[in-house]
Amino acid sequence: MIKSIVKVLIAVMLANALWRVASAYISYYKFKDAVTEVAIYSSGKTTEQLRDKVMELAAMYDEPLAAEAVDIRLEEHHTYIDGTYTKPVVLLPGYVYQWPFALNVDGFVVVPPKFGDLANPK
C-alpha cells in the first residue's frame, strides 16, 4: 500500500515538472516566433524601435529578458536579434531551477510593395 502511494507521488511530481518545463518552452517558442515576425517586417525601423518592440513582446509573453541583453544588427536584407536570459522554473515544490534560454533570430527583411508599385511593375 505505502509502496503504491510512493510510486503515485513520484509519478505526480514528474508529471508536474514536465508540465512546468513544457509550459516554459511553449512560452519561449511563442515569444521567439513573435520576435521573428518583428525581424521580418523591420524595414525602415531603427534598432531602438525594434528593441522596444522586443521588450514589449517579452513582457507580453512573461519572458524575463533585459533590454541590455538584446543585441540587434541591421544589415541590407537581414535583421539579427540575439539575446539570452534565464527563467525560473519550479521543478519540484521548493526547488526552482534557473532555466537558460537563448534567442537567436535571423529575419530576412520583407519590404511590402506600395499601392502605386503594383500598377507600374518594373
PDB file of N, CA and C in Angstrom:
ATOM      1  N   MET A   1       0.810  -1.191   0.000  1.00  0.00           N
ATOM      2  CA  MET A   1       0.000   0.000   0.000  1.00  0.00           C
ATOM      3  C   MET A   1       0.861   1.266   0.000  1.00  0.00           C
ATOM      4  N   ILE A   2       1.818   1.343   0.910  1.00  0.00           N
ATOM      5  CA  ILE A   2       2.706   2.501   1.003  1.00  0.00           C
ATOM      6  C   ILE A   2       3.558   2.609  -0.258  1.00  0.00           C
ATOM      7  N   LYS A   3       3.991   1.459  -0.763  1.00  0.00           N
ATOM      8  CA  LYS A   3       4.816   1.435  -1.964  1.00  0.00           C
ATOM      9  C   LYS A   3       4.039   2.015  -3.149  1.00  0.00           C
ATOM     10  N   SER A   4       2.777   1.717  -3.259  1.00  0.00           N
ATOM     11  CA  SER A   4       1.935   2.240  -4.343  1.00  0.00           C
ATOM     12  C   SER A   4       1.738   3.749  -4.216  1.00  0.00           C
ATOM     13  N   ILE A   5       1.558   4.213  -2.997  1.00  0.00           N
ATOM     14  CA  ILE A   5       1.383   5.655  -2.764  1.00  0.00           C
ATOM     15  C   ILE A   5       2.656   6.415  -3.145  1.00  0.00           C
ATOM     16  N   VAL A   6       3.806   5.863  -2.797  1.00  0.00           N
ATOM     17  CA  VAL A   6       5.089   6.494  -3.130  1.00  0.00           C
ATOM     18  C   VAL A   6       5.262   6.555  -4.650  1.00  0.00           C
ATOM     19  N   LYS A   7       4.910   5.475  -5.333  1.00  0.00           N
ATOM     20  CA  LYS A   7       5.016   5.462  -6.792  1.00  0.00           C
ATOM     21  C   LYS A   7       4.096   6.504  -7.433  1.00  0.00           C
ATOM     22  N   VAL A   8       2.890   6.627  -6.913  1.00  0.00           N
ATOM     23  CA  VAL A   8       1.943   7.617  -7.435  1.00  0.00           C
ATOM     24  C   VAL A   8       2.469   9.033  -7.181  1.00  0.00           C
ATOM     25  N   LEU A   9       3.005   9.282  -5.986  1.00  0.00           N
ATOM     26  CA  LEU A   9       3.564  10.599  -5.677  1.00  0.00           C
ATOM     27  C   LEU A   9       4.732  10.947  -6.592  1.00  0.00           C
ATOM     28  N   ILE A  10       5.596   9.975  -6.857  1.00  0.00           N
ATOM     29  CA  ILE A  10       6.727  10.210  -7.759  1.00  0.00           C
ATOM     30  C   ILE A  10       6.224  10.508  -9.175  1.00  0.00           C
ATOM     31  N   ALA A  11       5.230   9.767  -9.618  1.00  0.00           N
ATOM     32  CA  ALA A  11       4.662   9.998 -10.944  1.00  0.00           C
ATOM     33  C   ALA A  11       4.022  11.380 -11.037  1.00  0.00           C
ATOM     34  N   VAL A  12       3.325  11.806  -9.998  1.00  0.00           N
ATOM     35  CA  VAL A  12       2.697  13.130  -9.981  1.00  0.00           C
ATOM     36  C   VAL A  12       3.763  14.227  -9.989  1.00  0.00           C
ATOM     37  N   MET A  13       4.829  14.046  -9.228  1.00  0.00           N
ATOM     38  CA  MET A  13       5.903  15.039  -9.198  1.00  0.00           C
ATOM     39  C   MET A  13       6.595  15.142 -10.554  1.00  0.00           C
ATOM     40  N   LEU A  14       6.829  14.016 -11.208  1.00  0.00           N
ATOM     41  CA  LEU A  14       7.441  14.040 -12.540  1.00  0.00           C
ATOM     42  C   LEU A  14       6.518  14.692 -13.568  1.00  0.00           C
ATOM     43  N   ALA A  15       5.235  14.386 -13.500  1.00  0.00           N
ATOM     44  CA  ALA A  15       4.277  14.996 -14.419  1.00  0.00           C
ATOM     45  C   ALA A  15       4.201  16.507 -14.199  1.00  0.00           C
ATOM     46  N   ASN A  16       4.244  16.936 -12.953  1.00  0.00           N
ATOM     47  CA  ASN A  16       4.220  18.357 -12.635  1.00  0.00           C
ATOM     48  C   ASN A  16       5.458  19.065 -13.186  1.00  0.00           C
ATOM     49  N   ALA A  17       6.628  18.461 -12.994  1.00  0.00           N
ATOM     50  CA  ALA A  17       7.866  19.050 -13.501  1.00  0.00           C
ATOM     51  C   ALA A  17       7.846  19.113 -15.026  1.00  0.00           C
ATOM     52  N   LEU A  18       7.379  18.061 -15.662  1.00  0.00           N
ATOM     53  CA  LEU A  18       7.292  18.045 -17.120  1.00  0.00           C
ATOM     54  C   LEU A  18       6.339  19.126 -17.618  1.00  0.00           C
ATOM     55  N   TRP A  19       5.214  19.304 -16.947  1.00  0.00           N
ATOM     56  CA  TRP A  19       4.243  20.331 -17.323  1.00  0.00           C
ATOM     57  C   TRP A  19       4.859  21.732 -17.222  1.00  0.00           C
ATOM     58  N   ARG A  20       5.598  21.984 -16.158  1.00  0.00           N
ATOM     59  CA  ARG A  20       6.194  23.311 -15.960  1.00  0.00           C
ATOM     60  C   ARG A  20       7.306  23.595 -16.967  1.00  0.00           C
ATOM     61  N   VAL A  21       8.120  22.597 -17.282  1.00  0.00           N
ATOM     62  CA  VAL A  21       9.171  22.785 -18.286  1.00  0.00           C
ATOM     63  C   VAL A  21       8.546  22.977 -19.667  1.00  0.00           C
ATOM     64  N   ALA A  22       7.535  22.179 -19.982  1.00  0.00           N
ATOM     65  CA  ALA A  22       6.863  22.312 -21.277  1.00  0.00           C
ATOM     66  C   ALA A  22       6.194  23.674 -21.399  1.00  0.00           C
ATOM     67  N   SER A  23       5.587  24.172 -20.340  1.00  0.00           N
ATOM     68  CA  SER A  23       4.957  25.495 -20.368  1.00  0.00           C
ATOM     69  C   SER A  23       5.996  26.588 -20.612  1.00  0.00           C
ATOM     70  N   ALA A  24       7.162  26.457 -19.988  1.00  0.00           N
ATOM     71  CA  ALA A  24       8.225  27.445 -20.190  1.00  0.00           C
ATOM     72  C   ALA A  24       8.695  27.436 -21.642  1.00  0.00           C
ATOM     73  N   TYR A  25       8.843  26.250 -22.221  1.00  0.00           N
ATOM     74  CA  TYR A  25       9.291  26.163 -23.617  1.00  0.00           C
ATOM     75  C   TYR A  25       8.216  26.630 -24.599  1.00  0.00           C
ATOM     76  N   ILE A  26       6.960  26.348 -24.321  1.00  0.00           N
ATOM     77  CA  ILE A  26       5.889  26.816 -25.203  1.00  0.00           C
ATOM     78  C   ILE A  26       5.866  28.342 -25.215  1.00  0.00           C
ATOM     79  N   SER A  27       5.991  28.952 -24.051  1.00  0.00           N
ATOM     80  CA  SER A  27       6.036  30.406 -23.961  1.00  0.00           C
ATOM     81  C   SER A  27       7.244  30.960 -24.717  1.00  0.00           C
ATOM     82  N   TYR A  28       8.397  30.297 -24.568  1.00  0.00           N
ATOM     83  CA  TYR A  28       9.613  30.722 -25.267  1.00  0.00           C
ATOM     84  C   TYR A  28       9.435  30.649 -26.784  1.00  0.00           C
ATOM     85  N   TYR A  29       8.872  29.562 -27.288  1.00  0.00           N
ATOM     86  CA  TYR A  29       8.715  29.428 -28.734  1.00  0.00           C
ATOM     87  C   TYR A  29       7.687  30.404 -29.296  1.00  0.00           C
ATOM     88  N   LYS A  30       6.648  30.711 -28.550  1.00  0.00           N
ATOM     89  CA  LYS A  30       5.695  31.740 -28.988  1.00  0.00           C
ATOM     90  C   LYS A  30       6.383  33.100 -29.041  1.00  0.00           C
ATOM     91  N   PHE A  31       7.188  33.394 -28.028  1.00  0.00           N
ATOM     92  CA  PHE A  31       7.939  34.643 -27.985  1.00  0.00           C
ATOM     93  C   PHE A  31       8.924  34.726 -29.148  1.00  0.00           C
ATOM     94  N   LYS A  32       9.651  33.637 -29.382  1.00  0.00           N
ATOM     95  CA  LYS A  32      10.629  33.617 -30.467  1.00  0.00           C
ATOM     96  C   LYS A  32       9.945  33.792 -31.822  1.00  0.00           C
ATOM     97  N   ASP A  33       8.789  33.186 -32.018  1.00  0.00           N
ATOM     98  CA  ASP A  33       8.039  33.333 -33.255  1.00  0.00           C
ATOM     99  C   ASP A  33       7.605  34.786 -33.459  1.00  0.00           C
ATOM    100  N   ALA A  34       7.154  35.434 -32.397  1.00  0.00           N
ATOM    101  CA  ALA A  34       6.748  36.837 -32.494  1.00  0.00           C
ATOM    102  C   ALA A  34       7.942  37.735 -32.803  1.00  0.00           C
ATOM    103  N   VAL A  35       9.103  37.450 -32.212  1.00  0.00           N
ATOM    104  CA  VAL A  35      10.305  38.234 -32.484  1.00  0.00           C
ATOM    105  C   VAL A  35      10.766  38.006 -33.926  1.00  0.00           C
ATOM    106  N   THR A  36      10.622  36.797 -34.435  1.00  0.00           N
ATOM    107  CA  THR A  36      10.963  36.524 -35.831  1.00  0.00           C
ATOM    108  C   THR A  36      10.090  37.349 -36.763  1.00  0.00           C
ATOM    109  N   GLU A  37       8.827  37.458 -36.439  1.00  0.00           N
ATOM    110  CA  GLU A  37       7.922  38.276 -37.258  1.00  0.00           C
ATOM    111  C   GLU A  37       8.330  39.749 -37.213  1.00  0.00           C
ATOM    112  N   VAL A  38       8.750  40.219 -36.054  1.00  0.00           N
ATOM    113  CA  VAL A  38       9.234  41.597 -35.935  1.00  0.00           C
ATOM    114  C   VAL A  38      10.465  41.788 -36.815  1.00  0.00           C
ATOM    115  N   ALA A  39      11.369  40.811 -36.815  1.00  0.00           N
ATOM    116  CA  ALA A  39      12.587  40.913 -37.623  1.00  0.00           C
ATOM    117  C   ALA A  39      12.267  40.909 -39.116  1.00  0.00           C
ATOM    118  N   ILE A  40      11.307  40.111 -39.516  1.00  0.00           N
ATOM    119  CA  ILE A  40      10.958  40.028 -40.938  1.00  0.00           C
ATOM    120  C   ILE A  40      10.368  41.345 -41.431  1.00  0.00           C
ATOM    121  N   TYR A  41       9.536  41.979 -40.622  1.00  0.00           N
ATOM    122  CA  TYR A  41       8.876  43.228 -41.021  1.00  0.00           C
ATOM    123  C   TYR A  41       9.542  44.442 -40.381  1.00  0.00           C
ATOM    124  N   SER A  42      10.871  44.463 -40.339  1.00  0.00           N
ATOM    125  CA  SER A  42      11.619  45.539 -39.689  1.00  0.00           C
ATOM    126  C   SER A  42      12.093  46.613 -40.655  1.00  0.00           C
ATOM    127  N   SER A  43      11.642  46.580 -41.874  1.00  0.00           N
ATOM    128  CA  SER A  43      12.093  47.548 -42.870  1.00  0.00           C
ATOM    129  C   SER A  43      11.755  48.971 -42.424  1.00  0.00           C
ATOM    130  N   GLY A  44      12.770  49.842 -42.423  1.00  0.00           N
ATOM    131  CA  GLY A  44      12.572  51.244 -42.080  1.00  0.00           C
ATOM    132  C   GLY A  44      12.541  51.537 -40.596  1.00  0.00           C
ATOM    133  N   LYS A  45      12.804  50.564 -39.754  1.00  0.00           N
ATOM    134  CA  LYS A  45      12.781  50.785 -38.310  1.00  0.00           C
ATOM    135  C   LYS A  45      14.208  50.873 -37.770  1.00  0.00           C
ATOM    136  N   THR A  46      14.369  51.626 -36.708  1.00  0.00           N
ATOM    137  CA  THR A  46      15.676  51.751 -36.071  1.00  0.00           C
ATOM    138  C   THR A  46      15.861  50.621 -35.063  1.00  0.00           C
ATOM    139  N   THR A  47      17.091  50.465 -34.592  1.00  0.00           N
ATOM    140  CA  THR A  47      17.364  49.423 -33.603  1.00  0.00           C
ATOM    141  C   THR A  47      16.627  49.707 -32.297  1.00  0.00           C
ATOM    142  N   GLU A  48      16.470  50.971 -31.937  1.00  0.00           N
ATOM    143  CA  GLU A  48      15.749  51.305 -30.715  1.00  0.00           C
ATOM    144  C   GLU A  48      14.268  50.956 -30.820  1.00  0.00           C
ATOM    145  N   GLN A  49      13.676  51.210 -31.979  1.00  0.00           N
ATOM    146  CA  GLN A  49      12.277  50.843 -32.181  1.00  0.00           C
ATOM    147  C   GLN A  49      12.107  49.324 -32.096  1.00  0.00           C
ATOM    148  N   LEU A  50      13.046  48.596 -32.703  1.00  0.00           N
ATOM    149  CA  LEU A  50      12.988  47.137 -32.653  1.00  0.00           C
ATOM    150  C   LEU A  50      13.198  46.617 -31.231  1.00  0.00           C
ATOM    151  N   ARG A  51      14.134  47.232 -30.501  1.00  0.00           N
ATOM    152  CA  ARG A  51      14.383  46.813 -29.117  1.00  0.00           C
ATOM    153  C   ARG A  51      13.135  47.055 -28.269  1.00  0.00           C
ATOM    154  N   ASP A  52      12.481  48.193 -28.462  1.00  0.00           N
ATOM    155  CA  ASP A  52      11.250  48.478 -27.718  1.00  0.00           C
ATOM    156  C   ASP A  52      10.170  47.442 -28.022  1.00  0.00           C
ATOM    157  N   LYS A  53      10.048  47.049 -29.285  1.00  0.00           N
ATOM    158  CA  LYS A  53       9.044  46.054 -29.672  1.00  0.00           C
ATOM    159  C   LYS A  53       9.372  44.686 -29.064  1.00  0.00           C
ATOM    160  N   VAL A  54      10.654  44.321 -29.085  1.00  0.00           N
ATOM    161  CA  VAL A  54      11.074  43.043 -28.493  1.00  0.00           C
ATOM    162  C   VAL A  54      10.789  43.044 -26.992  1.00  0.00           C
ATOM    163  N   MET A  55      11.055  44.160 -26.318  1.00  0.00           N
ATOM    164  CA  MET A  55      10.795  44.231 -24.883  1.00  0.00           C
ATOM    165  C   MET A  55       9.294  44.197 -24.589  1.00  0.00           C
ATOM    166  N   GLU A  56       8.501  44.799 -25.473  1.00  0.00           N
ATOM    167  CA  GLU A  56       7.044  44.733 -25.328  1.00  0.00           C
ATOM    168  C   GLU A  56       6.563  43.283 -25.460  1.00  0.00           C
ATOM    169  N   LEU A  57       7.128  42.558 -26.420  1.00  0.00           N
ATOM    170  CA  LEU A  57       6.767  41.148 -26.598  1.00  0.00           C
ATOM    171  C   LEU A  57       7.231  40.304 -25.414  1.00  0.00           C
ATOM    172  N   ALA A  58       8.412  40.602 -24.878  1.00  0.00           N
ATOM    173  CA  ALA A  58       8.917  39.862 -23.719  1.00  0.00           C
ATOM    174  C   ALA A  58       7.980  40.040 -22.530  1.00  0.00           C
ATOM    175  N   ALA A  59       7.474  41.240 -22.341  1.00  0.00           N
ATOM    176  CA  ALA A  59       6.529  41.476 -21.251  1.00  0.00           C
ATOM    177  C   ALA A  59       5.211  40.749 -21.517  1.00  0.00           C
ATOM    178  N   MET A  60       4.775  40.729 -22.774  1.00  0.00           N
ATOM    179  CA  MET A  60       3.515  40.088 -23.114  1.00  0.00           C
ATOM    180  C   MET A  60       3.572  38.573 -22.894  1.00  0.00           C
ATOM    181  N   TYR A  61       4.721  37.962 -23.182  1.00  0.00           N
ATOM    182  CA  TYR A  61       4.873  36.515 -23.031  1.00  0.00           C
ATOM    183  C   TYR A  61       5.521  36.125 -21.701  1.00  0.00           C
ATOM    184  N   ASP A  62       5.685  37.066 -20.791  1.00  0.00           N
ATOM    185  CA  ASP A  62       6.278  36.834 -19.468  1.00  0.00           C
ATOM    186  C   ASP A  62       7.673  36.214 -19.549  1.00  0.00           C
ATOM    187  N   GLU A  63       8.476  36.739 -20.453  1.00  0.00           N
ATOM    188  CA  GLU A  63       9.860  36.293 -20.574  1.00  0.00           C
ATOM    189  C   GLU A  63      10.752  37.337 -19.902  1.00  0.00           C
ATOM    190  N   PRO A  64      11.597  36.948 -18.950  1.00  0.00           N
ATOM    191  CA  PRO A  64      12.409  37.909 -18.192  1.00  0.00           C
ATOM    192  C   PRO A  64      13.657  38.354 -18.953  1.00  0.00           C
ATOM    193  N   LEU A  65      13.473  38.982 -20.086  1.00  0.00           N
ATOM    194  CA  LEU A  65      14.576  39.445 -20.928  1.00  0.00           C
ATOM    195  C   LEU A  65      14.888  40.895 -20.594  1.00  0.00           C
ATOM    196  N   ALA A  66      16.145  41.183 -20.317  1.00  0.00           N
ATOM    197  CA  ALA A  66      16.565  42.554 -20.019  1.00  0.00           C
ATOM    198  C   ALA A  66      16.901  43.276 -21.319  1.00  0.00           C
ATOM    199  N   ALA A  67      16.619  44.568 -21.374  1.00  0.00           N
ATOM    200  CA  ALA A  67      16.851  45.355 -22.589  1.00  0.00           C
ATOM    201  C   ALA A  67      18.329  45.358 -22.979  1.00  0.00           C
ATOM    202  N   GLU A  68      19.214  45.370 -21.994  1.00  0.00           N
ATOM    203  CA  GLU A  68      20.652  45.390 -22.311  1.00  0.00           C
ATOM    204  C   GLU A  68      21.157  44.025 -22.777  1.00  0.00           C
ATOM    205  N   ALA A  69      20.351  42.985 -22.634  1.00  0.00           N
ATOM    206  CA  ALA A  69      20.741  41.652 -23.096  1.00  0.00           C
ATOM    207  C   ALA A  69      20.339  41.397 -24.544  1.00  0.00           C
ATOM    208  N   VAL A  70      19.677  42.377 -25.168  1.00  0.00           N
ATOM    209  CA  VAL A  70      19.222  42.227 -26.553  1.00  0.00           C
ATOM    210  C   VAL A  70      20.220  42.911 -27.481  1.00  0.00           C
ATOM    211  N   ASP A  71      20.719  42.149 -28.450  1.00  0.00           N
ATOM    212  CA  ASP A  71      21.646  42.677 -29.451  1.00  0.00           C
ATOM    213  C   ASP A  71      20.941  42.646 -30.809  1.00  0.00           C
ATOM    214  N   ILE A  72      20.844  43.799 -31.452  1.00  0.00           N
ATOM    215  CA  ILE A  72      20.154  43.900 -32.740  1.00  0.00           C
ATOM    216  C   ILE A  72      21.134  44.436 -33.773  1.00  0.00           C
ATOM    217  N   ARG A  73      21.234  43.718 -34.885  1.00  0.00           N
ATOM    218  CA  ARG A  73      22.077  44.154 -36.012  1.00  0.00           C
ATOM    219  C   ARG A  73      21.213  44.244 -37.258  1.00  0.00           C
ATOM    220  N   LEU A  74      21.313  45.370 -37.935  1.00  0.00           N
ATOM    221  CA  LEU A  74      20.583  45.572 -39.181  1.00  0.00           C
ATOM    222  C   LEU A  74      21.570  45.527 -40.333  1.00  0.00           C
ATOM    223  N   GLU A  75      21.318  44.656 -41.279  1.00  0.00           N
ATOM    224  CA  GLU A  75      22.114  44.599 -42.499  1.00  0.00           C
ATOM    225  C   GLU A  75      21.173  44.838 -43.665  1.00  0.00           C
ATOM    226  N   GLU A  76      21.684  44.779 -44.869  1.00  0.00           N
ATOM    227  CA  GLU A  76      20.894  45.174 -46.038  1.00  0.00           C
ATOM    228  C   GLU A  76      19.544  44.467 -46.111  1.00  0.00           C
ATOM    229  N   HIS A  77      19.526  43.168 -46.090  1.00  0.00           N
ATOM    230  CA  HIS A  77      18.265  42.426 -46.185  1.00  0.00           C
ATOM    231  C   HIS A  77      18.055  41.474 -45.023  1.00  0.00           C
ATOM    232  N   HIS A  78      18.791  41.687 -43.941  1.00  0.00           N
ATOM    233  CA  HIS A  78      18.667  40.816 -42.770  1.00  0.00           C
ATOM    234  C   HIS A  78      18.593  41.655 -41.507  1.00  0.00           C
ATOM    235  N   THR A  79      17.843  41.142 -40.563  1.00  0.00           N
ATOM    236  CA  THR A  79      17.817  41.707 -39.217  1.00  0.00           C
ATOM    237  C   THR A  79      18.132  40.575 -38.257  1.00  0.00           C
ATOM    238  N   TYR A  80      19.165  40.767 -37.452  1.00  0.00           N
ATOM    239  CA  TYR A  80      19.585  39.767 -36.480  1.00  0.00           C
ATOM    240  C   TYR A  80      19.217  40.261 -35.084  1.00  0.00           C
ATOM    241  N   ILE A  81      18.506  39.443 -34.347  1.00  0.00           N
ATOM    242  CA  ILE A  81      18.137  39.772 -32.969  1.00  0.00           C
ATOM    243  C   ILE A  81      18.615  38.622 -32.082  1.00  0.00           C
ATOM    244  N   ASP A  82      19.494  38.938 -31.151  1.00  0.00           N
ATOM    245  CA  ASP A  82      20.068  37.937 -30.253  1.00  0.00           C
ATOM    246  C   ASP A  82      19.876  38.380 -28.809  1.00  0.00           C
ATOM    247  N   GLY A  83      19.745  37.406 -27.945  1.00  0.00           N
ATOM    248  CA  GLY A  83      19.634  37.689 -26.516  1.00  0.00           C
ATOM    249  C   GLY A  83      19.632  36.405 -25.713  1.00  0.00           C
ATOM    250  N   THR A  84      20.020  36.514 -24.468  1.00  0.00           N
ATOM    251  CA  THR A  84      19.990  35.359 -23.561  1.00  0.00           C
ATOM    252  C   THR A  84      19.376  35.783 -22.237  1.00  0.00           C
ATOM    253  N   TYR A  85      18.730  34.844 -21.612  1.00  0.00           N
ATOM    254  CA  TYR A  85      18.134  35.098 -20.306  1.00  0.00           C
ATOM    255  C   TYR A  85      17.879  33.770 -19.621  1.00  0.00           C
ATOM    256  N   THR A  86      17.635  33.837 -18.323  1.00  0.00           N
ATOM    257  CA  THR A  86      17.254  32.649 -17.566  1.00  0.00           C
ATOM    258  C   THR A  86      15.862  32.886 -16.995  1.00  0.00           C
ATOM    259  N   LYS A  87      15.091  31.823 -16.989  1.00  0.00           N
ATOM    260  CA  LYS A  87      13.718  31.896 -16.493  1.00  0.00           C
ATOM    261  C   LYS A  87      13.573  30.895 -15.346  1.00  0.00           C
ATOM    262  N   PRO A  88      13.064  31.351 -14.198  1.00  0.00           N
ATOM    263  CA  PRO A  88      12.887  30.413 -13.085  1.00  0.00           C
ATOM    264  C   PRO A  88      11.749  29.433 -13.360  1.00  0.00           C
ATOM    265  N   VAL A  89      12.050  28.138 -13.232  1.00  0.00           N
ATOM    266  CA  VAL A  89      11.057  27.083 -13.431  1.00  0.00           C
ATOM    267  C   VAL A  89      11.012  26.245 -12.159  1.00  0.00           C
ATOM    268  N   VAL A  90       9.833  26.136 -11.585  1.00  0.00           N
ATOM    269  CA  VAL A  90       9.658  25.342 -10.363  1.00  0.00           C
ATOM    270  C   VAL A  90       9.529  23.878 -10.783  1.00  0.00           C
ATOM    271  N   LEU A  91      10.589  23.102 -10.569  1.00  0.00           N
ATOM    272  CA  LEU A  91      10.571  21.691 -10.946  1.00  0.00           C
ATOM    273  C   LEU A  91       9.912  20.827  -9.883  1.00  0.00           C
ATOM    274  N   LEU A  92      10.228  21.104  -8.643  1.00  0.00           N
ATOM    275  CA  LEU A  92       9.649  20.392  -7.504  1.00  0.00           C
ATOM    276  C   LEU A  92       9.213  21.429  -6.474  1.00  0.00           C
ATOM    277  N   PRO A  93       8.293  21.089  -5.627  1.00  0.00           N
ATOM    278  CA  PRO A  93       7.921  22.055  -4.586  1.00  0.00           C
ATOM    279  C   PRO A  93       9.148  22.454  -3.767  1.00  0.00           C
ATOM    280  N   GLY A  94       9.442  23.747  -3.772  1.00  0.00           N
ATOM    281  CA  GLY A  94      10.605  24.245  -3.036  1.00  0.00           C
ATOM    282  C   GLY A  94      11.893  24.234  -3.829  1.00  0.00           C
ATOM    283  N   TYR A  95      11.886  23.758  -5.064  1.00  0.00           N
ATOM    284  CA  TYR A  95      13.100  23.732  -5.880  1.00  0.00           C
ATOM    285  C   TYR A  95      12.862  24.479  -7.186  1.00  0.00           C
ATOM    286  N   VAL A  96      13.533  25.625  -7.313  1.00  0.00           N
ATOM    287  CA  VAL A  96      13.411  26.456  -8.515  1.00  0.00           C
ATOM    288  C   VAL A  96      14.716  26.359  -9.286  1.00  0.00           C
ATOM    289  N   TYR A  97      14.603  26.008 -10.566  1.00  0.00           N
ATOM    290  CA  TYR A  97      15.781  25.913 -11.438  1.00  0.00           C
ATOM    291  C   TYR A  97      15.774  27.098 -12.393  1.00  0.00           C
ATOM    292  N   GLN A  98      16.915  27.751 -12.522  1.00  0.00           N
ATOM    293  CA  GLN A  98      17.052  28.872 -13.455  1.00  0.00           C
ATOM    294  C   GLN A  98      17.370  28.311 -14.838  1.00  0.00           C
ATOM    295  N   TRP A  99      16.339  28.168 -15.672  1.00  0.00           N
ATOM    296  CA  TRP A  99      16.469  27.540 -16.984  1.00  0.00           C
ATOM    297  C   TRP A  99      16.990  28.563 -17.991  1.00  0.00           C
ATOM    298  N   PRO A 100      18.102  28.259 -18.686  1.00  0.00           N
ATOM    299  CA  PRO A 100      18.650  29.229 -19.645  1.00  0.00           C
ATOM    300  C   PRO A 100      17.939  29.150 -21.007  1.00  0.00           C
ATOM    301  N   PHE A 101      17.703  30.302 -21.601  1.00  0.00           N
ATOM    302  CA  PHE A 101      17.121  30.401 -22.929  1.00  0.00           C
ATOM    303  C   PHE A 101      17.979  31.342 -23.765  1.00  0.00           C
ATOM    304  N   ALA A 102      18.130  31.017 -25.039  1.00  0.00           N
ATOM    305  CA  ALA A 102      18.877  31.864 -25.969  1.00  0.00           C
ATOM    306  C   ALA A 102      17.972  32.221 -27.138  1.00  0.00           C
ATOM    307  N   LEU A 103      17.926  33.492 -27.442  1.00  0.00           N
ATOM    308  CA  LEU A 103      17.105  33.992 -28.537  1.00  0.00           C
ATOM    309  C   LEU A 103      18.040  34.355 -29.680  1.00  0.00           C
ATOM    310  N   ASN A 104      17.970  33.616 -30.776  1.00  0.00           N
ATOM    311  CA  ASN A 104      18.782  33.878 -31.964  1.00  0.00           C
ATOM    312  C   ASN A 104      17.863  33.905 -33.172  1.00  0.00           C
ATOM    313  N   VAL A 105      17.572  35.112 -33.648  1.00  0.00           N
ATOM    314  CA  VAL A 105      16.634  35.276 -34.752  1.00  0.00           C
ATOM    315  C   VAL A 105      17.353  35.926 -35.918  1.00  0.00           C
ATOM    316  N   ASP A 106      17.195  35.346 -37.105  1.00  0.00           N
ATOM    317  CA  ASP A 106      17.705  35.908 -38.350  1.00  0.00           C
ATOM    318  C   ASP A 106      16.513  36.093 -39.268  1.00  0.00           C
ATOM    319  N   GLY A 107      16.089  37.320 -39.414  1.00  0.00           N
ATOM    320  CA  GLY A 107      14.921  37.589 -40.241  1.00  0.00           C
ATOM    321  C   GLY A 107      15.313  38.180 -41.578  1.00  0.00           C
ATOM    322  N   PHE A 108      14.872  37.547 -42.651  1.00  0.00           N
ATOM    323  CA  PHE A 108      15.058  38.104 -43.983  1.00  0.00           C
ATOM    324  C   PHE A 108      13.997  39.181 -44.153  1.00  0.00           C
ATOM    325  N   VAL A 109      14.432  40.421 -44.326  1.00  0.00           N
ATOM    326  CA  VAL A 109      13.519  41.565 -44.323  1.00  0.00           C
ATOM    327  C   VAL A 109      12.643  41.559 -45.563  1.00  0.00           C
ATOM    328  N   VAL A 110      11.342  41.637 -45.336  1.00  0.00           N
ATOM    329  CA  VAL A 110      10.361  41.684 -46.405  1.00  0.00           C
ATOM    330  C   VAL A 110       9.878  43.124 -46.529  1.00  0.00           C
ATOM    331  N   VAL A 111      10.006  43.674 -47.713  1.00  0.00           N
ATOM    332  CA  VAL A 111       9.522  45.022 -47.972  1.00  0.00           C
ATOM    333  C   VAL A 111       8.248  44.887 -48.792  1.00  0.00           C
ATOM    334  N   PRO A 112       7.095  45.170 -48.192  1.00  0.00           N
ATOM    335  CA  PRO A 112       5.856  45.032 -48.951  1.00  0.00           C
ATOM    336  C   PRO A 112       5.766  46.088 -50.048  1.00  0.00           C
ATOM    337  N   PRO A 113       5.179  45.729 -51.187  1.00  0.00           N
ATOM    338  CA  PRO A 113       5.070  46.713 -52.267  1.00  0.00           C
ATOM    339  C   PRO A 113       4.062  47.796 -51.910  1.00  0.00           C
ATOM    340  N   LYS A 114       4.294  48.980 -52.450  1.00  0.00           N
ATOM    341  CA  LYS A 114       3.360  50.079 -52.246  1.00  0.00           C
ATOM    342  C   LYS A 114       2.266  49.976 -53.299  1.00  0.00           C
ATOM    343  N   PHE A 115       1.159  50.601 -53.048  1.00  0.00           N
ATOM    344  CA  PHE A 115      -0.007  50.506 -53.947  1.00  0.00           C
ATOM    345  C   PHE A 115       0.339  50.992 -55.357  1.00  0.00           C
ATOM    346  N   GLY A 116       1.090  52.063 -55.492  1.00  0.00           N
ATOM    347  CA  GLY A 116       1.465  52.594 -56.798  1.00  0.00           C
ATOM    348  C   GLY A 116       2.403  51.673 -57.556  1.00  0.00           C
ATOM    349  N   ASP A 117       3.207  50.880 -56.823  1.00  0.00           N
ATOM    350  CA  ASP A 117       4.153  49.961 -57.457  1.00  0.00           C
ATOM    351  C   ASP A 117       3.443  48.809 -58.148  1.00  0.00           C
ATOM    352  N   LEU A 118       2.242  48.470 -57.694  1.00  0.00           N
ATOM    353  CA  LEU A 118       1.516  47.363 -58.283  1.00  0.00           C
ATOM    354  C   LEU A 118       0.982  47.729 -59.664  1.00  0.00           C
ATOM    355  N   ALA A 119       0.673  49.002 -59.878  1.00  0.00           N
ATOM    356  CA  ALA A 119       0.138  49.442 -61.166  1.00  0.00           C
ATOM    357  C   ALA A 119       1.236  49.536 -62.229  1.00  0.00           C
ATOM    358  N   ASN A 120       2.466  49.859 -61.798  1.00  0.00           N
ATOM    359  CA  ASN A 120       3.582  50.011 -62.732  1.00  0.00           C
ATOM    360  C   ASN A 120       4.757  49.143 -62.303  1.00  0.00           C
ATOM    361  N   PRO A 121       4.678  47.827 -62.505  1.00  0.00           N
ATOM    362  CA  PRO A 121       5.788  46.958 -62.095  1.00  0.00           C
ATOM    363  C   PRO A 121       7.016  47.213 -62.962  1.00  0.00           C
ATOM    364  N   LYS A 122       8.172  46.992 -62.380  1.00  0.00           N
ATOM    365  CA  LYS A 122       9.434  47.226 -63.106  1.00  0.00           C
ATOM    366  C   LYS A 122       9.823  46.032 -63.919  1.00  0.00           C
TER     367      LYS A 122
END
